[in-house]
Amino acid sequence: MQRIAVFRYAIAGIIYCVHKEIHMKVHLLAALGALGLAWRYELSSIELGILFLTIASVITAELFNTALETLVDKVSPEFHPLAKAAKDAAAGAVLIQAVAALGVGYVLLGDKMLK
């Protein structure tokens, strides 16, 4: 019974992030677009695996970012330079991952889309 509760908590965290964070919605829309293109251009199994891992890494980064921002807001509701630095660094991690995902998308789909 406890194992099922762990999954419920994890799913609740994902749902929270989807409802509260506009960037998560953007990432999910981009993921759906990338998967649609992958289907359209018939990516190989390996290419699909790379795409799924890339999508998962961006979504995971956004979940960690949301967790950190939520925690920082709880423990430091007033402005503090260290709280800002923590939140900015987490947002920077998401940005780096999202830019890397664009690069992966280009490598996997760029040539196929230009034909």
PDB file of N, CA and C in Angstrom:
ATOM      1  N   MET A   1       0.814  -1.199   0.000  1.00  0.00           N
ATOM      2  CA  MET A   1       0.000   0.000   0.000  1.00  0.00           C
ATOM      3  C   MET A   1       0.854   1.258   0.000  1.00  0.00           C
ATOM      4  N   GLN A   2       1.953   1.225   0.739  1.00  0.00           N
ATOM      5  CA  GLN A   2       2.818   2.395   0.816  1.00  0.00           C
ATOM      6  C   GLN A   2       3.465   2.698  -0.526  1.00  0.00           C
ATOM      7  N   ARG A   3       3.779   1.659  -1.312  1.00  0.00           N
ATOM      8  CA  ARG A   3       4.398   1.871  -2.623  1.00  0.00           C
ATOM      9  C   ARG A   3       3.454   2.625  -3.547  1.00  0.00           C
ATOM     10  N   ILE A   4       2.173   2.321  -3.465  1.00  0.00           N
ATOM     11  CA  ILE A   4       1.196   3.021  -4.295  1.00  0.00           C
ATOM     12  C   ILE A   4       1.125   4.491  -3.895  1.00  0.00           C
ATOM     13  N   ALA A   5       1.205   4.773  -2.617  1.00  0.00           N
ATOM     14  CA  ALA A   5       1.169   6.151  -2.136  1.00  0.00           C
ATOM     15  C   ALA A   5       2.341   6.955  -2.689  1.00  0.00           C
ATOM     16  N   VAL A   6       3.502   6.326  -2.795  1.00  0.00           N
ATOM     17  CA  VAL A   6       4.669   7.015  -3.337  1.00  0.00           C
ATOM     18  C   VAL A   6       4.391   7.467  -4.776  1.00  0.00           C
ATOM     19  N   PHE A   7       3.771   6.594  -5.566  1.00  0.00           N
ATOM     20  CA  PHE A   7       3.424   6.971  -6.932  1.00  0.00           C
ATOM     21  C   PHE A   7       2.397   8.096  -6.939  1.00  0.00           C
ATOM     22  N   ARG A   8       1.447   8.048  -6.030  1.00  0.00           N
ATOM     23  CA  ARG A   8       0.443   9.118  -5.951  1.00  0.00           C
ATOM     24  C   ARG A   8       1.109  10.455  -5.643  1.00  0.00           C
ATOM     25  N   TYR A   9       2.063  10.456  -4.722  1.00  0.00           N
ATOM     26  CA  TYR A   9       2.765  11.694  -4.383  1.00  0.00           C
ATOM     27  C   TYR A   9       3.542  12.220  -5.591  1.00  0.00           C
ATOM     28  N   ALA A  10       4.204  11.322  -6.279  1.00  0.00           N
ATOM     29  CA  ALA A  10       4.978  11.727  -7.462  1.00  0.00           C
ATOM     30  C   ALA A  10       4.061  12.301  -8.537  1.00  0.00           C
ATOM     31  N   ILE A  11       2.957  11.642  -8.776  1.00  0.00           N
ATOM     32  CA  ILE A  11       2.009  12.130  -9.781  1.00  0.00           C
ATOM     33  C   ILE A  11       1.415  13.458  -9.342  1.00  0.00           C
ATOM     34  N   ALA A  12       1.138  13.604  -8.047  1.00  0.00           N
ATOM     35  CA  ALA A  12       0.620  14.878  -7.534  1.00  0.00           C
ATOM     36  C   ALA A  12       1.630  16.001  -7.775  1.00  0.00           C
ATOM     37  N   GLY A  13       2.910  15.699  -7.613  1.00  0.00           N
ATOM     38  CA  GLY A  13       3.946  16.701  -7.869  1.00  0.00           C
ATOM     39  C   GLY A  13       3.997  17.112  -9.331  1.00  0.00           C
ATOM     40  N   ILE A  14       3.865  16.148 -10.211  1.00  0.00           N
ATOM     41  CA  ILE A  14       3.851  16.447 -11.647  1.00  0.00           C
ATOM     42  C   ILE A  14       2.634  17.293 -11.995  1.00  0.00           C
ATOM     43  N   ILE A  15       1.475  16.905 -11.478  1.00  0.00           N
ATOM     44  CA  ILE A  15       0.244  17.655 -11.753  1.00  0.00           C
ATOM     45  C   ILE A  15       0.350  19.076 -11.214  1.00  0.00           C
ATOM     46  N   TYR A  16       0.904  19.232 -10.010  1.00  0.00           N
ATOM     47  CA  TYR A  16       1.104  20.565  -9.442  1.00  0.00           C
ATOM     48  C   TYR A  16       1.931  21.427 -10.388  1.00  0.00           C
ATOM     49  N   CYS A  17       3.024  20.862 -10.861  1.00  0.00           N
ATOM     50  CA  CYS A  17       3.925  21.608 -11.742  1.00  0.00           C
ATOM     51  C   CYS A  17       3.233  21.981 -13.053  1.00  0.00           C
ATOM     52  N   VAL A  18       2.469  21.068 -13.607  1.00  0.00           N
ATOM     53  CA  VAL A  18       1.762  21.348 -14.867  1.00  0.00           C
ATOM     54  C   VAL A  18       0.742  22.460 -14.663  1.00  0.00           C
ATOM     55  N   HIS A  19       0.047  22.451 -13.534  1.00  0.00           N
ATOM     56  CA  HIS A  19      -0.983  23.455 -13.273  1.00  0.00           C
ATOM     57  C   HIS A  19      -0.401  24.822 -12.914  1.00  0.00           C
ATOM     58  N   LYS A  20       0.732  24.839 -12.218  1.00  0.00           N
ATOM     59  CA  LYS A  20       1.267  26.092 -11.673  1.00  0.00           C
ATOM     60  C   LYS A  20       2.342  26.759 -12.526  1.00  0.00           C
ATOM     61  N   GLU A  21       3.001  25.996 -13.379  1.00  0.00           N
ATOM     62  CA  GLU A  21       4.149  26.528 -14.110  1.00  0.00           C
ATOM     63  C   GLU A  21       3.864  26.611 -15.606  1.00  0.00           C
ATOM     64  N   ILE A  22       3.831  27.811 -16.133  1.00  0.00           N
ATOM     65  CA  ILE A  22       3.590  28.006 -17.566  1.00  0.00           C
ATOM     66  C   ILE A  22       4.699  27.362 -18.385  1.00  0.00           C
ATOM     67  N   HIS A  23       5.922  27.401 -17.872  1.00  0.00           N
ATOM     68  CA  HIS A  23       7.034  26.813 -18.630  1.00  0.00           C
ATOM     69  C   HIS A  23       6.886  25.306 -18.782  1.00  0.00           C
ATOM     70  N   MET A  24       6.296  24.644 -17.788  1.00  0.00           N
ATOM     71  CA  MET A  24       6.065  23.201 -17.917  1.00  0.00           C
ATOM     72  C   MET A  24       5.094  22.945 -19.064  1.00  0.00           C
ATOM     73  N   LYS A  25       4.085  23.779 -19.178  1.00  0.00           N
ATOM     74  CA  LYS A  25       3.133  23.633 -20.285  1.00  0.00           C
ATOM     75  C   LYS A  25       3.840  23.836 -21.624  1.00  0.00           C
ATOM     76  N   VAL A  26       4.731  24.804 -21.681  1.00  0.00           N
ATOM     77  CA  VAL A  26       5.498  25.050 -22.908  1.00  0.00           C
ATOM     78  C   VAL A  26       6.364  23.841 -23.239  1.00  0.00           C
ATOM     79  N   HIS A  27       7.033  23.295 -22.238  1.00  0.00           N
ATOM     80  CA  HIS A  27       7.881  22.117 -22.466  1.00  0.00           C
ATOM     81  C   HIS A  27       7.052  20.926 -22.944  1.00  0.00           C
ATOM     82  N   LEU A  28       5.883  20.735 -22.360  1.00  0.00           N
ATOM     83  CA  LEU A  28       5.030  19.618 -22.771  1.00  0.00           C
ATOM     84  C   LEU A  28       4.516  19.807 -24.195  1.00  0.00           C
ATOM     85  N   LEU A  29       4.156  21.030 -24.549  1.00  0.00           N
ATOM     86  CA  LEU A  29       3.729  21.295 -25.931  1.00  0.00           C
ATOM     87  C   LEU A  29       4.872  21.054 -26.910  1.00  0.00           C
ATOM     88  N   ALA A  30       6.067  21.490 -26.547  1.00  0.00           N
ATOM     89  CA  ALA A  30       7.234  21.251 -27.398  1.00  0.00           C
ATOM     90  C   ALA A  30       7.501  19.753 -27.531  1.00  0.00           C
ATOM     91  N   ALA A  31       7.334  19.022 -26.435  1.00  0.00           N
ATOM     92  CA  ALA A  31       7.531  17.569 -26.469  1.00  0.00           C
ATOM     93  C   ALA A  31       6.523  16.913 -27.403  1.00  0.00           C
ATOM     94  N   LEU A  32       5.280  17.326 -27.306  1.00  0.00           N
ATOM     95  CA  LEU A  32       4.259  16.773 -28.204  1.00  0.00           C
ATOM     96  C   LEU A  32       4.585  17.096 -29.657  1.00  0.00           C
ATOM     97  N   GLY A  33       5.047  18.312 -29.909  1.00  0.00           N
ATOM     98  CA  GLY A  33       5.442  18.679 -31.267  1.00  0.00           C
ATOM     99  C   GLY A  33       6.602  17.834 -31.767  1.00  0.00           C
ATOM    100  N   ALA A  34       7.593  17.643 -30.907  1.00  0.00           N
ATOM    101  CA  ALA A  34       8.750  16.824 -31.291  1.00  0.00           C
ATOM    102  C   ALA A  34       8.341  15.381 -31.550  1.00  0.00           C
ATOM    103  N   LEU A  35       7.444  14.850 -30.721  1.00  0.00           N
ATOM    104  CA  LEU A  35       6.978  13.478 -30.931  1.00  0.00           C
ATOM    105  C   LEU A  35       6.153  13.364 -32.207  1.00  0.00           C
ATOM    106  N   GLY A  36       5.376  14.394 -32.500  1.00  0.00           N
ATOM    107  CA  GLY A  36       4.631  14.402 -33.760  1.00  0.00           C
ATOM    108  C   GLY A  36       5.558  14.405 -34.958  1.00  0.00           C
ATOM    109  N   LEU A  37       6.606  15.202 -34.898  1.00  0.00           N
ATOM    110  CA  LEU A  37       7.593  15.225 -35.978  1.00  0.00           C
ATOM    111  C   LEU A  37       8.335  13.897 -36.078  1.00  0.00           C
ATOM    112  N   ALA A  38       8.631  13.310 -34.915  1.00  0.00           N
ATOM    113  CA  ALA A  38       9.300  12.002 -34.908  1.00  0.00           C
ATOM    114  C   ALA A  38       8.430  10.953 -35.591  1.00  0.00           C
ATOM    115  N   TRP A  39       7.145  10.998 -35.348  1.00  0.00           N
ATOM    116  CA  TRP A  39       6.221  10.060 -35.996  1.00  0.00           C
ATOM    117  C   TRP A  39       6.145  10.353 -37.491  1.00  0.00           C
ATOM    118  N   ARG A  40       6.044  11.630 -37.829  1.00  0.00           N
ATOM    119  CA  ARG A  40       5.924  12.037 -39.238  1.00  0.00           C
ATOM    120  C   ARG A  40       7.148  11.625 -40.056  1.00  0.00           C
ATOM    121  N   TYR A  41       8.323  11.782 -39.482  1.00  0.00           N
ATOM    122  CA  TYR A  41       9.557  11.491 -40.212  1.00  0.00           C
ATOM    123  C   TYR A  41      10.143  10.125 -39.867  1.00  0.00           C
ATOM    124  N   GLU A  42       9.375   9.309 -39.175  1.00  0.00           N
ATOM    125  CA  GLU A  42       9.713   7.908 -38.904  1.00  0.00           C
ATOM    126  C   GLU A  42      11.130   7.739 -38.342  1.00  0.00           C
ATOM    127  N   LEU A  43      11.356   8.325 -37.184  1.00  0.00           N
ATOM    128  CA  LEU A  43      12.657   8.168 -36.540  1.00  0.00           C
ATOM    129  C   LEU A  43      12.890   6.706 -36.180  1.00  0.00           C
ATOM    130  N   SER A  44      14.152   6.316 -36.187  1.00  0.00           N
ATOM    131  CA  SER A  44      14.524   4.949 -35.818  1.00  0.00           C
ATOM    132  C   SER A  44      14.306   4.748 -34.319  1.00  0.00           C
ATOM    133  N   SER A  45      14.414   3.511 -33.890  1.00  0.00           N
ATOM    134  CA  SER A  45      14.253   3.196 -32.466  1.00  0.00           C
ATOM    135  C   SER A  45      15.291   3.916 -31.620  1.00  0.00           C
ATOM    136  N   ILE A  46      16.508   3.948 -32.083  1.00  0.00           N
ATOM    137  CA  ILE A  46      17.571   4.639 -31.338  1.00  0.00           C
ATOM    138  C   ILE A  46      17.290   6.135 -31.288  1.00  0.00           C
ATOM    139  N   GLU A  47      16.885   6.708 -32.411  1.00  0.00           N
ATOM    140  CA  GLU A  47      16.559   8.133 -32.433  1.00  0.00           C
ATOM    141  C   GLU A  47      15.394   8.442 -31.492  1.00  0.00           C
ATOM    142  N   LEU A  48      14.382   7.572 -31.477  1.00  0.00           N
ATOM    143  CA  LEU A  48      13.253   7.762 -30.560  1.00  0.00           C
ATOM    144  C   LEU A  48      13.709   7.668 -29.110  1.00  0.00           C
ATOM    145  N   GLY A  49      14.594   6.735 -28.832  1.00  0.00           N
ATOM    146  CA  GLY A  49      15.121   6.612 -27.476  1.00  0.00           C
ATOM    147  C   GLY A  49      15.838   7.873 -27.037  1.00  0.00           C
ATOM    148  N   ILE A  50      16.641   8.416 -27.922  1.00  0.00           N
ATOM    149  CA  ILE A  50      17.345   9.664 -27.621  1.00  0.00           C
ATOM    150  C   ILE A  50      16.346  10.790 -27.405  1.00  0.00           C
ATOM    151  N   LEU A  51      15.327  10.842 -28.244  1.00  0.00           N
ATOM    152  CA  LEU A  51      14.304  11.885 -28.107  1.00  0.00           C
ATOM    153  C   LEU A  51      13.566  11.752 -26.777  1.00  0.00           C
ATOM    154  N   PHE A  52      13.157  10.535 -26.408  1.00  0.00           N
ATOM    155  CA  PHE A  52      12.461  10.330 -25.136  1.00  0.00           C
ATOM    156  C   PHE A  52      13.329  10.731 -23.950  1.00  0.00           C
ATOM    157  N   LEU A  53      14.612  10.356 -23.982  1.00  0.00           N
ATOM    158  CA  LEU A  53      15.514  10.737 -22.892  1.00  0.00           C
ATOM    159  C   LEU A  53      15.690  12.253 -22.819  1.00  0.00           C
ATOM    160  N   THR A  54      15.751  12.886 -23.972  1.00  0.00           N
ATOM    161  CA  THR A  54      15.899  14.335 -24.013  1.00  0.00           C
ATOM    162  C   THR A  54      14.660  15.022 -23.444  1.00  0.00           C
ATOM    163  N   ILE A  55      13.490  14.561 -23.862  1.00  0.00           N
ATOM    164  CA  ILE A  55      12.244  15.120 -23.335  1.00  0.00           C
ATOM    165  C   ILE A  55      12.182  14.920 -21.821  1.00  0.00           C
ATOM    166  N   ALA A  56      12.510  13.715 -21.372  1.00  0.00           N
ATOM    167  CA  ALA A  56      12.468  13.425 -19.938  1.00  0.00           C
ATOM    168  C   ALA A  56      13.431  14.321 -19.162  1.00  0.00           C
ATOM    169  N   SER A  57      14.581  14.615 -19.739  1.00  0.00           N
ATOM    170  CA  SER A  57      15.551  15.453 -19.023  1.00  0.00           C
ATOM    171  C   SER A  57      15.050  16.885 -18.874  1.00  0.00           C
ATOM    172  N   VAL A  58      14.383  17.404 -19.879  1.00  0.00           N
ATOM    173  CA  VAL A  58      13.839  18.763 -19.786  1.00  0.00           C
ATOM    174  C   VAL A  58      12.705  18.811 -18.757  1.00  0.00           C
ATOM    175  N   ILE A  59      11.808  17.846 -18.814  1.00  0.00           N
ATOM    176  CA  ILE A  59      10.691  17.789 -17.866  1.00  0.00           C
ATOM    177  C   ILE A  59      11.228  17.620 -16.441  1.00  0.00           C
ATOM    178  N   THR A  60      12.223  16.759 -16.276  1.00  0.00           N
ATOM    179  CA  THR A  60      12.824  16.554 -14.962  1.00  0.00           C
ATOM    180  C   THR A  60      13.473  17.828 -14.448  1.00  0.00           C
ATOM    181  N   ALA A  61      14.199  18.528 -15.305  1.00  0.00           N
ATOM    182  CA  ALA A  61      14.823  19.784 -14.898  1.00  0.00           C
ATOM    183  C   ALA A  61      13.767  20.786 -14.445  1.00  0.00           C
ATOM    184  N   GLU A  62      12.654  20.855 -15.159  1.00  0.00           N
ATOM    185  CA  GLU A  62      11.582  21.789 -14.786  1.00  0.00           C
ATOM    186  C   GLU A  62      10.950  21.383 -13.456  1.00  0.00           C
ATOM    187  N   LEU A  63      10.787  20.088 -13.223  1.00  0.00           N
ATOM    188  CA  LEU A  63      10.252  19.631 -11.935  1.00  0.00           C
ATOM    189  C   LEU A  63      11.193  20.004 -10.784  1.00  0.00           C
ATOM    190  N   PHE A  64      12.489  19.783 -10.974  1.00  0.00           N
ATOM    191  CA  PHE A  64      13.453  20.176  -9.938  1.00  0.00           C
ATOM    192  C   PHE A  64      13.440  21.682  -9.726  1.00  0.00           C
ATOM    193  N   ASN A  65      13.348  22.436 -10.794  1.00  0.00           N
ATOM    194  CA  ASN A  65      13.301  23.889 -10.688  1.00  0.00           C
ATOM    195  C   ASN A  65      12.085  24.325  -9.876  1.00  0.00           C
ATOM    196  N   THR A  66      10.945  23.752 -10.172  1.00  0.00           N
ATOM    197  CA  THR A  66       9.731  24.092  -9.438  1.00  0.00           C
ATOM    198  C   THR A  66       9.860  23.713  -7.967  1.00  0.00           C
ATOM    199  N   ALA A  67      10.415  22.533  -7.697  1.00  0.00           N
ATOM    200  CA  ALA A  67      10.602  22.104  -6.312  1.00  0.00           C
ATOM    201  C   ALA A  67      11.507  23.075  -5.560  1.00  0.00           C
ATOM    202  N   LEU A  68      12.609  23.458  -6.182  1.00  0.00           N
ATOM    203  CA  LEU A  68      13.535  24.363  -5.521  1.00  0.00           C
ATOM    204  C   LEU A  68      12.906  25.740  -5.318  1.00  0.00           C
ATOM    205  N   GLU A  69      12.246  26.267  -6.342  1.00  0.00           N
ATOM    206  CA  GLU A  69      11.618  27.581  -6.204  1.00  0.00           C
ATOM    207  C   GLU A  69      10.545  27.582  -5.124  1.00  0.00           C
ATOM    208  N   THR A  70       9.761  26.512  -5.058  1.00  0.00           N
ATOM    209  CA  THR A  70       8.711  26.411  -4.052  1.00  0.00           C
ATOM    210  C   THR A  70       9.303  26.365  -2.653  1.00  0.00           C
ATOM    211  N   LEU A  71      10.361  25.586  -2.493  1.00  0.00           N
ATOM    212  CA  LEU A  71      11.023  25.487  -1.195  1.00  0.00           C
ATOM    213  C   LEU A  71      11.647  26.824  -0.794  1.00  0.00           C
ATOM    214  N   VAL A  72      12.323  27.469  -1.707  1.00  0.00           N
ATOM    215  CA  VAL A  72      12.942  28.762  -1.408  1.00  0.00           C
ATOM    216  C   VAL A  72      11.878  29.783  -1.021  1.00  0.00           C
ATOM    217  N   ASP A  73      10.758  29.795  -1.725  1.00  0.00           N
ATOM    218  CA  ASP A  73       9.679  30.729  -1.390  1.00  0.00           C
ATOM    219  C   ASP A  73       9.127  30.456   0.008  1.00  0.00           C
ATOM    220  N   LYS A  74       9.107  29.185   0.407  1.00  0.00           N
ATOM    221  CA  LYS A  74       8.611  28.824   1.737  1.00  0.00           C
ATOM    222  C   LYS A  74       9.563  29.277   2.836  1.00  0.00           C
ATOM    223  N   VAL A  75      10.852  29.010   2.664  1.00  0.00           N
ATOM    224  CA  VAL A  75      11.814  29.308   3.736  1.00  0.00           C
ATOM    225  C   VAL A  75      12.311  30.745   3.702  1.00  0.00           C
ATOM    226  N   SER A  76      12.156  31.407   2.574  1.00  0.00           N
ATOM    227  CA  SER A  76      12.621  32.787   2.457  1.00  0.00           C
ATOM    228  C   SER A  76      11.608  33.618   1.681  1.00  0.00           C
ATOM    229  N   PRO A  77      10.435  33.894   2.288  1.00  0.00           N
ATOM    230  CA  PRO A  77       9.402  34.637   1.560  1.00  0.00           C
ATOM    231  C   PRO A  77       9.817  36.076   1.234  1.00  0.00           C
ATOM    232  N   GLU A  78      10.699  36.634   2.030  1.00  0.00           N
ATOM    233  CA  GLU A  78      11.200  37.977   1.731  1.00  0.00           C
ATOM    234  C   GLU A  78      12.412  37.846   0.797  1.00  0.00           C
ATOM    235  N   PHE A  79      12.708  38.935   0.094  1.00  0.00           N
ATOM    236  CA  PHE A  79      13.839  38.897  -0.842  1.00  0.00           C
ATOM    237  C   PHE A  79      15.138  38.673  -0.081  1.00  0.00           C
ATOM    238  N   HIS A  80      15.948  37.799  -0.635  1.00  0.00           N
ATOM    239  CA  HIS A  80      17.304  37.597  -0.126  1.00  0.00           C
ATOM    240  C   HIS A  80      18.181  37.248  -1.324  1.00  0.00           C
ATOM    241  N   PRO A  81      19.379  37.841  -1.409  1.00  0.00           N
ATOM    242  CA  PRO A  81      20.231  37.580  -2.567  1.00  0.00           C
ATOM    243  C   PRO A  81      20.583  36.100  -2.750  1.00  0.00           C
ATOM    244  N   LEU A  82      20.721  35.361  -1.675  1.00  0.00           N
ATOM    245  CA  LEU A  82      21.029  33.936  -1.815  1.00  0.00           C
ATOM    246  C   LEU A  82      19.819  33.155  -2.334  1.00  0.00           C
ATOM    247  N   ALA A  83      18.638  33.545  -1.911  1.00  0.00           N
ATOM    248  CA  ALA A  83      17.422  32.905  -2.432  1.00  0.00           C
ATOM    249  C   ALA A  83      17.298  33.181  -3.922  1.00  0.00           C
ATOM    250  N   LYS A  84      17.572  34.413  -4.313  1.00  0.00           N
ATOM    251  CA  LYS A  84      17.536  34.767  -5.734  1.00  0.00           C
ATOM    252  C   LYS A  84      18.570  33.967  -6.517  1.00  0.00           C
ATOM    253  N   ALA A  85      19.770  33.830  -5.973  1.00  0.00           N
ATOM    254  CA  ALA A  85      20.831  33.082  -6.654  1.00  0.00           C
ATOM    255  C   ALA A  85      20.424  31.620  -6.840  1.00  0.00           C
ATOM    256  N   ALA A  86      19.818  31.013  -5.820  1.00  0.00           N
ATOM    257  CA  ALA A  86      19.386  29.620  -5.923  1.00  0.00           C
ATOM    258  C   ALA A  86      18.326  29.463  -7.005  1.00  0.00           C
ATOM    259  N   LYS A  87      17.353  30.361  -7.004  1.00  0.00           N
ATOM    260  CA  LYS A  87      16.278  30.283  -7.996  1.00  0.00           C
ATOM    261  C   LYS A  87      16.807  30.552  -9.407  1.00  0.00           C
ATOM    262  N   ASP A  88      17.703  31.515  -9.535  1.00  0.00           N
ATOM    263  CA  ASP A  88      18.283  31.818 -10.851  1.00  0.00           C
ATOM    264  C   ASP A  88      19.117  30.648 -11.374  1.00  0.00           C
ATOM    265  N   ALA A  89      19.867  30.015 -10.495  1.00  0.00           N
ATOM    266  CA  ALA A  89      20.690  28.877 -10.915  1.00  0.00           C
ATOM    267  C   ALA A  89      19.808  27.718 -11.383  1.00  0.00           C
ATOM    268  N   ALA A  90      18.733  27.461 -10.665  1.00  0.00           N
ATOM    269  CA  ALA A  90      17.820  26.385 -11.066  1.00  0.00           C
ATOM    270  C   ALA A  90      17.173  26.703 -12.408  1.00  0.00           C
ATOM    271  N   ALA A  91      16.770  27.946 -12.595  1.00  0.00           N
ATOM    272  CA  ALA A  91      16.195  28.346 -13.883  1.00  0.00           C
ATOM    273  C   ALA A  91      17.238  28.237 -14.992  1.00  0.00           C
ATOM    274  N   GLY A  92      18.488  28.571 -14.678  1.00  0.00           N
ATOM    275  CA  GLY A  92      19.563  28.439 -15.655  1.00  0.00           C
ATOM    276  C   GLY A  92      19.782  26.994 -16.068  1.00  0.00           C
ATOM    277  N   ALA A  93      19.639  26.070 -15.130  1.00  0.00           N
ATOM    278  CA  ALA A  93      19.783  24.646 -15.450  1.00  0.00           C
ATOM    279  C   ALA A  93      18.707  24.207 -16.442  1.00  0.00           C
ATOM    280  N   VAL A  94      17.487  24.690 -16.240  1.00  0.00           N
ATOM    281  CA  VAL A  94      16.407  24.358 -17.168  1.00  0.00           C
ATOM    282  C   VAL A  94      16.699  24.943 -18.542  1.00  0.00           C
ATOM    283  N   LEU A  95      17.181  26.179 -18.560  1.00  0.00           N
ATOM    284  CA  LEU A  95      17.499  26.821 -19.839  1.00  0.00           C
ATOM    285  C   LEU A  95      18.566  26.041 -20.599  1.00  0.00           C
ATOM    286  N   ILE A  96      19.615  25.644 -19.919  1.00  0.00           N
ATOM    287  CA  ILE A  96      20.674  24.863 -20.568  1.00  0.00           C
ATOM    288  C   ILE A  96      20.115  23.562 -21.126  1.00  0.00           C
ATOM    289  N   GLN A  97      19.284  22.891 -20.354  1.00  0.00           N
ATOM    290  CA  GLN A  97      18.708  21.622 -20.813  1.00  0.00           C
ATOM    291  C   GLN A  97      17.777  21.841 -22.001  1.00  0.00           C
ATOM    292  N   ALA A  98      16.997  22.903 -21.964  1.00  0.00           N
ATOM    293  CA  ALA A  98      16.077  23.180 -23.069  1.00  0.00           C
ATOM    294  C   ALA A  98      16.845  23.519 -24.353  1.00  0.00           C
ATOM    295  N   VAL A  99      17.919  24.278 -24.241  1.00  0.00           N
ATOM    296  CA  VAL A  99      18.734  24.602 -25.420  1.00  0.00           C
ATOM    297  C   VAL A  99      19.400  23.341 -25.960  1.00  0.00           C
ATOM    298  N   ALA A 100      19.882  22.495 -25.060  1.00  0.00           N
ATOM    299  CA  ALA A 100      20.463  21.220 -25.497  1.00  0.00           C
ATOM    300  C   ALA A 100      19.414  20.370 -26.210  1.00  0.00           C
ATOM    301  N   ALA A 101      18.174  20.398 -25.720  1.00  0.00           N
ATOM    302  CA  ALA A 101      17.089  19.642 -26.351  1.00  0.00           C
ATOM    303  C   ALA A 101      16.814  20.167 -27.756  1.00  0.00           C
ATOM    304  N   LEU A 102      16.895  21.469 -27.937  1.00  0.00           N
ATOM    305  CA  LEU A 102      16.746  22.025 -29.287  1.00  0.00           C
ATOM    306  C   LEU A 102      17.843  21.491 -30.205  1.00  0.00           C
ATOM    307  N   GLY A 103      19.053  21.404 -29.675  1.00  0.00           N
ATOM    308  CA  GLY A 103      20.151  20.850 -30.457  1.00  0.00           C
ATOM    309  C   GLY A 103      19.916  19.400 -30.827  1.00  0.00           C
ATOM    310  N   VAL A 104      19.433  18.620 -29.897  1.00  0.00           N
ATOM    311  CA  VAL A 104      19.127  17.214 -30.177  1.00  0.00           C
ATOM    312  C   VAL A 104      18.037  17.125 -31.241  1.00  0.00           C
ATOM    313  N   GLY A 105      17.006  17.950 -31.090  1.00  0.00           N
ATOM    314  CA  GLY A 105      15.932  17.966 -32.084  1.00  0.00           C
ATOM    315  C   GLY A 105      16.442  18.311 -33.468  1.00  0.00           C
ATOM    316  N   TYR A 106      17.346  19.270 -33.520  1.00  0.00           N
ATOM    317  CA  TYR A 106      17.913  19.655 -34.807  1.00  0.00           C
ATOM    318  C   TYR A 106      18.710  18.505 -35.425  1.00  0.00           C
ATOM    319  N   VAL A 107      19.524  17.853 -34.614  1.00  0.00           N
ATOM    320  CA  VAL A 107      20.331  16.740 -35.106  1.00  0.00           C
ATOM    321  C   VAL A 107      19.436  15.595 -35.594  1.00  0.00           C
ATOM    322  N   LEU A 108      18.391  15.292 -34.827  1.00  0.00           N
ATOM    323  CA  LEU A 108      17.523  14.165 -35.174  1.00  0.00           C
ATOM    324  C   LEU A 108      16.579  14.467 -36.341  1.00  0.00           C
ATOM    325  N   LEU A 109      16.121  15.706 -36.426  1.00  0.00           N
ATOM    326  CA  LEU A 109      15.046  16.016 -37.378  1.00  0.00           C
ATOM    327  C   LEU A 109      15.413  17.017 -38.474  1.00  0.00           C
ATOM    328  N   GLY A 110      16.472  17.781 -38.262  1.00  0.00           N
ATOM    329  CA  GLY A 110      16.795  18.855 -39.190  1.00  0.00           C
ATOM    330  C   GLY A 110      16.909  18.434 -40.638  1.00  0.00           C
ATOM    331  N   ASP A 111      17.742  17.447 -40.920  1.00  0.00           N
ATOM    332  CA  ASP A 111      17.925  16.983 -42.301  1.00  0.00           C
ATOM    333  C   ASP A 111      16.649  16.409 -42.882  1.00  0.00           C
ATOM    334  N   LYS A 112      15.924  15.671 -42.072  1.00  0.00           N
ATOM    335  CA  LYS A 112      14.705  15.033 -42.552  1.00  0.00           C
ATOM    336  C   LYS A 112      13.629  16.070 -42.917  1.00  0.00           C
ATOM    337  N   MET A 113      13.588  17.153 -42.159  1.00  0.00           N
ATOM    338  CA  MET A 113      12.586  18.178 -42.410  1.00  0.00           C
ATOM    339  C   MET A 113      12.940  19.028 -43.636  1.00  0.00           C
ATOM    340  N   LEU A 114      14.218  19.115 -43.953  1.00  0.00           N
ATOM    341  CA  LEU A 114      14.657  19.944 -45.071  1.00  0.00           C
ATOM    342  C   LEU A 114      14.562  19.226 -46.417  1.00  0.00           C
ATOM    343  N   LYS A 115      14.282  17.935 -46.408  1.00  0.00           N
ATOM    344  CA  LYS A 115      14.202  17.167 -47.660  1.00  0.00           C
ATOM    345  C   LYS A 115      12.875  17.379 -48.322  1.00  0.00           C
TER     346      LYS A 115
END
